[in-house]
Amino acid sequence: MIRFAAIGLDHRHIYEQTGRLLELGCECAGYWTDGEPEPLSGFIKRFPDVHRVDDMDLLINDPDIQLIVTAAIPRDRAEIALMAVKAGKDVMSDKPGCTTLEQLGALRAAVADSGRIWSINFSERFEVPAVQKASELVAKGRIGRVVQTLGIGPHRLNLPKRPDWFFDEVAYGGILVDIASHQIDQFLHFAGVEDARIVSSSVANYANPEHSGLQDFGELSLLAEGPGGAAHGYVRVDWYTPDGLPTWGDGRLMILGTEGYIELRKYVDIAVREGTNHLYVVDSKGAEHIDCSTQPLPYYSQLVHDVVNRTETAMTQSHCFRVMELALLAQQQATRLGAVTR
């Protein structure tokens, strides 16, 4: 197995990034983070044997470390990745992997020059068993050719717990970059296409005018031309999850095919069934509910395989780049509504 290090503990996704690698038998050589971000205490509790280093360069330049994982403030993730790639290391970043087109261009050049891997952990696909099952069904042709995906990513705001950077668009990249990159990834994946264009996009702040840098609503639509014809995508993301929901967000994905459709209720099946990872599929044979809670999650083992063997089994590099490019373009051209800073 490989040795890795964690740099930047500003988002709780670092728990899964670190924990799942450790479960595979990988060794964490240490971590560095700036200051005392809120997830730090939880990280120490979960991984008491992983030590903190005072200088991230010690990890970046350690020749025995093969992979850097980061969940730093989004604006800082690209710079961390660039340093790591130039030092001969592969990178697994929390989403978004970058916040500007300039950062993306620098990462493209660095990856091309070095041959290293820059992978973004799109956790709403890679860490959701129901999505893995849906991938299997679509690949087998259960619902025919995919014509549209409809992805929604609602989140609970938890306003008092948010750090200052959460309210700074420059720091988090905007809601379409920060959250909707998940749904763009899923659209390209399920439509079976490498590219798409942004048809329309908008962002807004409707419920939090006292925080003008926050965007609490965003939407976009995509269009792709695949081998079998056009595919459409619609994405809605928001920070409106009410306190009455027993989890952080009622994330759903609907996949429309020419011969049926699939709905994923990823994190909750409100007022119907307990638990997570519910999949509903309807085709010519009828309607079926599938409990996907035991479906394997191959991303981490595939990424480790890629690091060792220089392959692209977890995700192609071109897909990773294009997802972020589409998210950045959607954010850049979005119509701004409500109390959003202009």
Protein backbone atom coordinates (compact mmCIF):
# COMPACT_ATOMS: atom_id res chain seq x y z
CA MET A 1 0.00 0.00 0.00
CA ILE A 2 0.97 3.66 -0.21
CA ARG A 3 2.03 6.39 2.21
CA PHE A 4 0.00 9.60 2.16
CA ALA A 5 -0.29 12.88 4.04
CA ALA A 6 -3.19 15.24 4.76
CA ILE A 7 -2.67 18.95 4.12
CA GLY A 8 -5.53 21.29 5.02
CA LEU A 9 -8.25 20.16 7.43
CA ASP A 10 -10.80 22.93 6.82
CA HIS A 11 -13.68 20.67 5.73
CA ARG A 12 -15.02 17.54 7.38
CA HIS A 13 -14.62 15.57 4.17
CA ILE A 14 -11.03 15.08 5.34
CA TYR A 15 -12.40 12.42 7.72
CA GLU A 16 -13.49 10.16 4.86
CA GLN A 17 -10.45 10.97 2.74
CA THR A 18 -8.12 9.89 5.52
CA GLY A 19 -10.20 7.16 7.09
CA ARG A 20 -10.95 5.20 3.93
CA LEU A 21 -7.29 5.16 2.90
CA LEU A 22 -6.33 3.91 6.35
CA GLU A 23 -8.99 1.18 6.09
CA LEU A 24 -7.28 -0.03 2.91
CA GLY A 25 -3.99 -0.39 4.79
CA CYS A 26 -2.36 2.82 3.59
CA GLU A 27 -0.10 4.69 6.01
CA CYS A 28 -0.68 8.33 6.94
CA ALA A 29 2.72 9.99 7.38
CA GLY A 30 1.23 13.04 9.14
CA TYR A 31 -0.87 16.12 8.62
CA TRP A 32 -0.51 19.87 8.42
CA THR A 33 -3.23 22.49 8.66
CA ASP A 34 -3.31 26.23 9.11
CA GLY A 35 -4.46 27.30 12.56
CA GLU A 36 -7.22 25.47 14.41
CA PRO A 37 -10.09 24.85 11.95
CA GLU A 38 -13.30 23.38 13.35
CA PRO A 39 -12.75 19.86 11.88
CA LEU A 40 -9.36 19.54 13.59
CA SER A 41 -10.71 18.27 16.92
CA GLY A 42 -12.76 15.59 15.16
CA PHE A 43 -9.74 14.57 13.10
CA ILE A 44 -7.59 14.14 16.20
CA LYS A 45 -10.33 12.11 17.89
CA ARG A 46 -10.74 9.82 14.89
CA PHE A 47 -7.04 9.43 14.11
CA PRO A 48 -5.10 9.85 17.37
CA ASP A 49 -2.02 8.08 15.98
CA VAL A 50 -1.58 10.51 13.08
CA HIS A 51 0.83 13.26 14.09
CA ARG A 52 0.81 16.94 13.18
CA VAL A 53 3.85 18.55 11.54
CA ASP A 54 4.75 22.22 11.85
CA ASP A 55 5.76 22.78 8.23
CA MET A 56 3.79 21.42 5.28
CA ASP A 57 6.98 21.45 3.17
CA LEU A 58 8.18 18.50 5.25
CA LEU A 59 5.27 16.50 3.85
CA ILE A 60 5.37 17.95 0.33
CA ASN A 61 9.07 17.13 -0.03
CA ASP A 62 9.12 13.75 1.73
CA PRO A 63 10.23 11.31 -1.00
CA ASP A 64 8.45 8.40 0.70
CA ILE A 65 5.00 10.03 0.47
CA GLN A 66 3.15 9.20 -2.75
CA LEU A 67 -0.23 10.93 -2.27
CA ILE A 68 -1.39 14.21 -0.76
CA VAL A 69 -5.02 14.56 0.31
CA THR A 70 -6.48 17.99 0.97
CA ALA A 71 -9.68 19.53 2.28
CA ALA A 72 -8.23 23.00 2.78
CA ILE A 73 -10.18 26.21 2.21
CA PRO A 74 -11.30 25.81 -1.43
CA ARG A 75 -9.28 28.79 -2.69
CA ASP A 76 -6.09 27.14 -1.32
CA ARG A 77 -6.58 23.63 -2.68
CA ALA A 78 -5.13 24.31 -6.12
CA GLU A 79 -1.91 25.79 -4.70
CA ILE A 80 -1.45 22.79 -2.41
CA ALA A 81 -2.06 20.47 -5.36
CA LEU A 82 0.38 22.38 -7.56
CA MET A 83 3.13 22.14 -4.94
CA ALA A 84 2.47 18.44 -4.49
CA VAL A 85 2.36 17.62 -8.20
CA LYS A 86 5.57 19.55 -8.86
CA ALA A 87 7.19 17.59 -6.04
CA GLY A 88 6.28 14.34 -7.79
CA LYS A 89 3.20 13.42 -5.79
CA ASP A 90 -0.34 12.54 -6.74
CA VAL A 91 -3.25 14.46 -5.21
CA MET A 92 -6.75 13.66 -4.02
CA SER A 93 -8.67 16.88 -3.35
CA ASP A 94 -12.00 17.50 -1.74
CA LYS A 95 -14.37 19.26 -4.12
CA PRO A 96 -14.03 21.83 -5.49
CA GLY A 97 -10.46 21.16 -6.51
CA CYS A 98 -9.98 24.78 -7.57
CA THR A 99 -11.95 28.03 -7.58
CA THR A 100 -10.77 29.90 -10.71
CA LEU A 101 -10.13 29.13 -14.36
CA GLU A 102 -6.58 30.42 -13.87
CA GLN A 103 -5.96 27.82 -11.18
CA LEU A 104 -7.42 25.13 -13.42
CA GLY A 105 -5.12 26.15 -16.26
CA ALA A 106 -2.08 25.94 -13.98
CA LEU A 107 -3.15 22.49 -12.80
CA ARG A 108 -3.62 21.26 -16.37
CA ALA A 109 -0.11 22.40 -17.25
CA ALA A 110 1.45 20.92 -14.10
CA VAL A 111 -0.24 17.55 -14.58
CA ALA A 112 0.78 17.46 -18.25
CA ASP A 113 4.39 18.25 -17.35
CA SER A 114 4.66 15.84 -14.43
CA GLY A 115 2.40 12.95 -15.36
CA ARG A 116 0.98 13.00 -11.83
CA ILE A 117 -2.67 12.43 -10.86
CA TRP A 118 -5.00 15.23 -9.74
CA SER A 119 -8.19 13.54 -8.56
CA ILE A 120 -11.20 15.23 -7.01
CA ASN A 121 -13.24 13.13 -4.61
CA PHE A 122 -16.75 13.85 -5.88
CA SER A 123 -18.18 12.27 -2.76
CA GLU A 124 -21.82 12.43 -3.85
CA ARG A 125 -20.90 9.81 -6.45
CA PHE A 126 -17.84 8.04 -5.08
CA GLU A 127 -19.06 7.71 -1.49
CA VAL A 128 -22.75 6.96 -2.10
CA PRO A 129 -23.53 3.26 -2.57
CA ALA A 130 -26.83 4.03 -4.33
CA VAL A 131 -24.97 5.91 -7.06
CA GLN A 132 -22.68 2.94 -7.57
CA LYS A 133 -25.72 0.68 -8.01
CA ALA A 134 -27.29 3.14 -10.43
CA SER A 135 -24.08 3.11 -12.47
CA GLU A 136 -24.33 -0.67 -12.68
CA LEU A 137 -27.97 -0.58 -13.81
CA VAL A 138 -27.37 2.12 -16.42
CA ALA A 139 -24.33 0.30 -17.78
CA LYS A 140 -26.43 -2.84 -18.21
CA GLY A 141 -29.03 -0.88 -20.20
CA ARG A 142 -31.81 -1.25 -17.62
CA ILE A 143 -33.40 2.10 -18.54
CA GLY A 144 -32.14 2.44 -22.12
CA ARG A 145 -30.19 5.48 -23.28
CA VAL A 146 -29.93 8.24 -20.68
CA VAL A 147 -31.75 11.34 -21.89
CA GLN A 148 -31.65 13.50 -18.76
CA THR A 149 -30.32 13.69 -15.23
CA LEU A 150 -31.95 15.84 -12.58
CA GLY A 151 -29.70 16.31 -9.58
CA ILE A 152 -30.49 18.26 -6.43
CA GLY A 153 -28.04 19.04 -3.65
CA PRO A 154 -29.78 20.70 -0.69
CA HIS A 155 -27.66 21.37 2.41
CA ARG A 156 -28.28 22.51 5.98
CA LEU A 157 -26.78 25.93 6.60
CA ASN A 158 -25.74 25.59 10.28
CA LEU A 159 -25.02 29.30 10.18
CA PRO A 160 -23.47 29.75 13.67
CA LYS A 161 -20.86 27.05 12.99
CA ARG A 162 -19.60 28.41 9.69
CA PRO A 163 -16.11 29.96 9.44
CA ASP A 164 -15.55 33.37 7.89
CA TRP A 165 -14.38 31.94 4.57
CA PHE A 166 -17.78 30.29 4.08
CA PHE A 167 -19.24 33.76 3.38
CA ASP A 168 -16.52 34.87 0.94
CA GLU A 169 -17.15 33.88 -2.69
CA VAL A 170 -13.46 34.23 -3.51
CA ALA A 171 -12.69 31.69 -0.78
CA TYR A 172 -15.35 29.06 -1.55
CA GLY A 173 -15.72 29.68 -5.27
CA GLY A 174 -19.47 30.26 -5.44
CA ILE A 175 -22.28 27.79 -4.90
CA LEU A 176 -22.12 26.27 -8.39
CA VAL A 177 -18.41 25.56 -8.01
CA ASP A 178 -18.60 24.44 -4.40
CA ILE A 179 -21.66 22.17 -4.56
CA ALA A 180 -22.91 21.77 -8.15
CA SER A 181 -19.63 20.27 -9.31
CA HIS A 182 -21.02 17.06 -7.77
CA GLN A 183 -24.07 17.08 -10.02
CA ILE A 184 -22.07 18.03 -13.13
CA ASP A 185 -19.83 15.05 -12.46
CA GLN A 186 -22.86 12.77 -12.23
CA PHE A 187 -24.40 14.17 -15.41
CA LEU A 188 -21.30 13.48 -17.52
CA HIS A 189 -20.91 10.06 -15.92
CA PHE A 190 -24.47 8.83 -16.44
CA ALA A 191 -24.91 10.43 -19.86
CA GLY A 192 -21.71 8.67 -20.93
CA VAL A 193 -20.23 11.81 -22.44
CA GLU A 194 -16.90 13.59 -22.11
CA ASP A 195 -18.16 17.10 -22.70
CA ALA A 196 -21.20 19.37 -22.41
CA ARG A 197 -22.10 23.02 -22.52
CA ILE A 198 -23.77 25.26 -19.99
CA VAL A 199 -27.16 26.35 -21.35
CA SER A 200 -28.04 28.63 -18.42
CA SER A 201 -27.08 29.25 -14.80
CA SER A 202 -28.04 31.49 -11.92
CA VAL A 203 -27.10 32.07 -8.30
CA ALA A 204 -28.95 33.92 -5.57
CA ASN A 205 -29.10 34.89 -1.94
CA TYR A 206 -32.75 34.91 -0.93
CA ALA A 207 -32.72 34.02 2.76
CA ASN A 208 -29.47 35.48 4.14
CA PRO A 209 -29.18 39.12 3.01
CA GLU A 210 -27.01 39.95 6.03
CA HIS A 211 -24.31 37.75 4.46
CA SER A 212 -24.05 39.22 0.98
CA GLY A 213 -21.09 37.01 0.05
CA LEU A 214 -23.17 33.86 0.59
CA GLN A 215 -25.07 32.25 -2.24
CA ASP A 216 -27.86 30.12 -0.80
CA PHE A 217 -29.44 29.04 -4.11
CA GLY A 218 -28.07 28.01 -7.48
CA GLU A 219 -29.25 26.25 -10.61
CA LEU A 220 -27.91 25.36 -14.02
CA SER A 221 -28.77 23.35 -17.09
CA LEU A 222 -26.46 21.41 -19.38
CA LEU A 223 -26.66 19.95 -22.86
CA ALA A 224 -24.40 17.25 -24.28
CA GLU A 225 -24.22 15.50 -27.63
CA GLY A 226 -23.37 11.84 -27.09
CA PRO A 227 -22.94 8.93 -29.49
CA GLY A 228 -26.65 8.08 -29.30
CA GLY A 229 -28.05 11.60 -29.25
CA ALA A 230 -28.51 14.57 -26.94
CA ALA A 231 -28.54 14.42 -23.15
CA HIS A 232 -29.92 17.11 -20.88
CA GLY A 233 -29.00 17.93 -17.30
CA TYR A 234 -30.62 20.09 -14.64
CA VAL A 235 -28.99 20.92 -11.30
CA ARG A 236 -30.38 22.66 -8.23
CA VAL A 237 -28.33 23.33 -5.11
CA ASP A 238 -29.26 25.26 -1.99
CA TRP A 239 -28.68 25.92 1.72
CA TYR A 240 -32.34 25.64 2.77
CA THR A 241 -32.55 22.23 4.48
CA PRO A 242 -35.01 22.70 7.39
CA ASP A 243 -34.14 21.62 10.92
CA GLY A 244 -36.92 19.03 10.85
CA LEU A 245 -35.06 16.82 8.37
CA PRO A 246 -33.09 14.12 10.23
CA THR A 247 -29.98 14.60 8.11
CA TRP A 248 -28.02 17.42 6.47
CA GLY A 249 -29.80 17.29 3.12
CA ASP A 250 -32.32 15.38 1.01
CA GLY A 251 -29.94 14.78 -1.88
CA ARG A 252 -31.59 13.13 -4.86
CA LEU A 253 -30.73 12.10 -8.37
CA MET A 254 -33.21 11.21 -11.10
CA ILE A 255 -31.98 9.52 -14.27
CA LEU A 256 -34.38 9.43 -17.20
CA GLY A 257 -33.81 6.85 -19.90
CA THR A 258 -35.59 5.95 -23.09
CA GLU A 259 -36.86 2.72 -21.50
CA GLY A 260 -37.32 3.63 -17.85
CA TYR A 261 -36.10 5.82 -15.04
CA ILE A 262 -34.21 5.66 -11.76
CA GLU A 263 -34.56 7.80 -8.66
CA LEU A 264 -31.96 7.85 -5.91
CA ARG A 265 -32.84 9.04 -2.43
CA LYS A 266 -29.29 9.16 -1.19
CA TYR A 267 -29.41 10.26 2.43
CA VAL A 268 -33.03 9.98 3.52
CA ASP A 269 -36.32 8.61 2.22
CA ILE A 270 -38.62 11.09 3.89
CA ALA A 271 -41.64 9.64 5.68
CA VAL A 272 -41.31 6.33 3.81
CA ARG A 273 -38.35 4.13 4.76
CA GLU A 274 -35.63 4.41 7.34
CA GLY A 275 -31.96 4.43 6.42
CA THR A 276 -30.04 5.77 3.44
CA ASN A 277 -29.14 4.75 -0.11
CA HIS A 278 -32.58 3.97 -1.50
CA LEU A 279 -32.89 3.37 -5.24
CA TYR A 280 -36.15 3.16 -7.17
CA VAL A 281 -36.20 1.89 -10.74
CA VAL A 282 -39.16 1.74 -13.10
CA ASP A 283 -39.08 -0.03 -16.45
CA SER A 284 -41.33 -2.16 -18.67
CA LYS A 285 -41.36 -4.94 -16.05
CA GLY A 286 -42.64 -2.75 -13.24
CA ALA A 287 -41.35 -0.71 -10.29
CA GLU A 288 -38.65 -1.88 -7.87
CA HIS A 289 -37.05 -0.59 -4.69
CA ILE A 290 -33.41 -1.57 -4.09
CA ASP A 291 -31.61 -1.13 -0.77
CA CYS A 292 -28.09 -0.15 -1.84
CA SER A 293 -26.56 0.24 1.62
CA THR A 294 -24.14 -2.67 1.13
CA GLN A 295 -23.03 -1.72 -2.37
CA PRO A 296 -19.21 -1.50 -2.57
CA LEU A 297 -17.43 1.85 -2.99
CA PRO A 298 -14.48 1.30 -5.32
CA TYR A 299 -13.09 4.84 -5.68
CA TYR A 300 -10.43 4.67 -2.99
CA SER A 301 -9.05 1.27 -3.91
CA GLN A 302 -9.07 2.27 -7.57
CA LEU A 303 -7.21 5.49 -6.80
CA VAL A 304 -4.56 3.60 -4.84
CA HIS A 305 -4.26 1.23 -7.81
CA ASP A 306 -3.83 4.24 -10.10
CA VAL A 307 -1.12 5.74 -7.88
CA VAL A 308 0.83 2.49 -7.90
CA ASN A 309 0.25 1.48 -11.53
CA ARG A 310 -0.14 4.89 -13.27
CA THR A 311 -3.61 4.04 -14.57
CA GLU A 312 -6.96 5.88 -14.67
CA THR A 313 -9.43 3.43 -13.19
CA ALA A 314 -10.95 5.69 -10.51
CA MET A 315 -11.66 8.56 -12.91
CA THR A 316 -10.04 9.81 -16.09
CA GLN A 317 -7.97 12.94 -15.73
CA SER A 318 -9.81 14.57 -18.61
CA HIS A 319 -13.16 14.02 -16.84
CA CYS A 320 -11.85 15.59 -13.64
CA PHE A 321 -10.63 18.67 -15.49
CA ARG A 322 -13.81 19.08 -17.54
CA VAL A 323 -16.16 18.80 -14.55
CA MET A 324 -14.35 21.64 -12.81
CA GLU A 325 -14.20 23.69 -15.99
CA LEU A 326 -17.96 23.41 -16.49
CA ALA A 327 -18.63 24.34 -12.85
CA LEU A 328 -16.35 27.36 -13.12
CA LEU A 329 -17.95 28.47 -16.39
CA ALA A 330 -21.44 28.07 -14.94
CA GLN A 331 -20.46 30.20 -11.96
CA GLN A 332 -18.75 32.80 -14.12
CA GLN A 333 -21.72 33.35 -16.43
CA ALA A 334 -24.47 32.94 -13.82
CA THR A 335 -27.23 35.50 -13.52
CA ARG A 336 -27.03 36.97 -10.00
CA LEU A 337 -30.25 37.47 -8.09
CA GLY A 338 -31.34 38.50 -4.63
CA ALA A 339 -28.76 39.83 -2.18
CA VAL A 340 -25.74 38.28 -3.91
CA THR A 341 -22.66 40.53 -4.08
CA ARG A 342 -22.18 41.77 -7.61
